[in-house]
Amino acid sequence: GMQTHVYARPIQAKEILEDLKGQLDVPPETWLYSVHAANGVRVAIVDSREAAFQGAAAYGYQALSVH
């Protein structure tokens, strides 16, 4: 069936800065939220839990927190 959930988890920018090769201009210790599809693929990086949940809802998904 259709995937209806995405997962948001807090990460520090330093965990992903290398992956993003200059696309993200924030200090390494900045806390961000990584949003993942059910299959584990990262679909977004946002700056707050609220942004993760609002963004998911805008696309018809329900975000779940993962710690």
C-alpha atoms as a PDB file:
ATOM      1  CA  GLY A   1       0.000   0.000   0.000  1.00  0.00           C
ATOM      2  CA  MET A   2       0.906   3.643   0.086  1.00  0.00           C
ATOM      3  CA  GLN A   3       3.496   4.751   2.600  1.00  0.00           C
ATOM      4  CA  THR A   4       1.802   7.214   4.919  1.00  0.00           C
ATOM      5  CA  HIS A   5       4.483   7.752   7.529  1.00  0.00           C
ATOM      6  CA  VAL A   6       7.850   9.421   7.597  1.00  0.00           C
ATOM      7  CA  TYR A   7      10.239   9.416  10.506  1.00  0.00           C
ATOM      8  CA  ALA A   8      11.971  12.436  12.015  1.00  0.00           C
ATOM      9  CA  ARG A   9      15.000  12.153  14.240  1.00  0.00           C
ATOM     10  CA  PRO A  10      17.282  14.724  15.806  1.00  0.00           C
ATOM     11  CA  ILE A  11      20.824  14.771  14.472  1.00  0.00           C
ATOM     12  CA  GLN A  12      23.786  17.094  14.781  1.00  0.00           C
ATOM     13  CA  ALA A  13      24.831  18.844  11.589  1.00  0.00           C
ATOM     14  CA  LYS A  14      28.300  17.262  11.803  1.00  0.00           C
ATOM     15  CA  GLU A  15      26.677  13.851  11.124  1.00  0.00           C
ATOM     16  CA  ILE A  16      25.592  14.943   7.642  1.00  0.00           C
ATOM     17  CA  LEU A  17      27.807  17.874   6.592  1.00  0.00           C
ATOM     18  CA  GLU A  18      30.141  15.563   4.677  1.00  0.00           C
ATOM     19  CA  ASP A  19      27.200  13.947   2.841  1.00  0.00           C
ATOM     20  CA  LEU A  20      25.872  17.336   1.795  1.00  0.00           C
ATOM     21  CA  LYS A  21      29.200  18.728   0.542  1.00  0.00           C
ATOM     22  CA  GLY A  22      28.612  22.417   1.183  1.00  0.00           C
ATOM     23  CA  GLN A  23      24.852  22.477   0.639  1.00  0.00           C
ATOM     24  CA  LEU A  24      24.324  23.212   4.320  1.00  0.00           C
ATOM     25  CA  ASP A  25      25.932  26.229   5.968  1.00  0.00           C
ATOM     26  CA  VAL A  26      25.526  25.680   9.695  1.00  0.00           C
ATOM     27  CA  PRO A  27      27.927  25.074  12.577  1.00  0.00           C
ATOM     28  CA  PRO A  28      28.728  21.353  13.050  1.00  0.00           C
ATOM     29  CA  GLU A  29      27.158  21.301  16.516  1.00  0.00           C
ATOM     30  CA  THR A  30      23.780  22.590  15.276  1.00  0.00           C
ATOM     31  CA  TRP A  31      20.845  20.274  16.012  1.00  0.00           C
ATOM     32  CA  LEU A  32      18.680  19.506  12.988  1.00  0.00           C
ATOM     33  CA  TYR A  33      15.970  17.005  12.158  1.00  0.00           C
ATOM     34  CA  SER A  34      16.532  14.329   9.565  1.00  0.00           C
ATOM     35  CA  VAL A  35      13.331  13.116   7.906  1.00  0.00           C
ATOM     36  CA  HIS A  36      13.305   9.591   6.495  1.00  0.00           C
ATOM     37  CA  ALA A  37      10.889   7.564   4.397  1.00  0.00           C
ATOM     38  CA  ALA A  38       9.742   4.226   5.802  1.00  0.00           C
ATOM     39  CA  ASN A  39      12.514   2.486   3.831  1.00  0.00           C
ATOM     40  CA  GLY A  40      15.156   4.562   5.616  1.00  0.00           C
ATOM     41  CA  VAL A  41      15.967   6.933   2.753  1.00  0.00           C
ATOM     42  CA  ARG A  42      16.557  10.489   3.967  1.00  0.00           C
ATOM     43  CA  VAL A  43      14.072  12.770   2.253  1.00  0.00           C
ATOM     44  CA  ALA A  44      14.653  16.060   4.061  1.00  0.00           C
ATOM     45  CA  ILE A  45      16.758  17.954   6.565  1.00  0.00           C
ATOM     46  CA  VAL A  46      14.894  20.600   8.533  1.00  0.00           C
ATOM     47  CA  ASP A  47      15.758  22.865  11.433  1.00  0.00           C
ATOM     48  CA  SER A  48      13.059  21.897  13.906  1.00  0.00           C
ATOM     49  CA  ARG A  49      10.718  19.130  14.953  1.00  0.00           C
ATOM     50  CA  GLU A  50       7.814  21.419  14.065  1.00  0.00           C
ATOM     51  CA  ALA A  51       9.149  21.894  10.539  1.00  0.00           C
ATOM     52  CA  ALA A  52       9.501  18.137  10.132  1.00  0.00           C
ATOM     53  CA  PHE A  53       5.914  17.519  11.186  1.00  0.00           C
ATOM     54  CA  GLN A  54       4.463  20.429   9.195  1.00  0.00           C
ATOM     55  CA  GLY A  55       6.397  19.442   6.093  1.00  0.00           C
ATOM     56  CA  ALA A  56       5.238  15.849   6.367  1.00  0.00           C
ATOM     57  CA  ALA A  57       1.624  16.944   6.781  1.00  0.00           C
ATOM     58  CA  ALA A  58       1.888  19.249   3.756  1.00  0.00           C
ATOM     59  CA  TYR A  59       2.693  16.200   1.636  1.00  0.00           C
ATOM     60  CA  GLY A  60       0.008  14.036   3.206  1.00  0.00           C
ATOM     61  CA  TYR A  61       2.309  12.096   5.497  1.00  0.00           C
ATOM     62  CA  GLN A  62       2.258  11.620   9.225  1.00  0.00           C
ATOM     63  CA  ALA A  63       5.618  12.161  10.891  1.00  0.00           C
ATOM     64  CA  LEU A  64       6.721   9.940  13.737  1.00  0.00           C
ATOM     65  CA  SER A  65       9.542  10.785  16.126  1.00  0.00           C
ATOM     66  CA  VAL A  66      12.448   8.384  16.335  1.00  0.00           C
ATOM     67  CA  HIS A  67      15.083   8.836  19.014  1.00  0.00           C
END
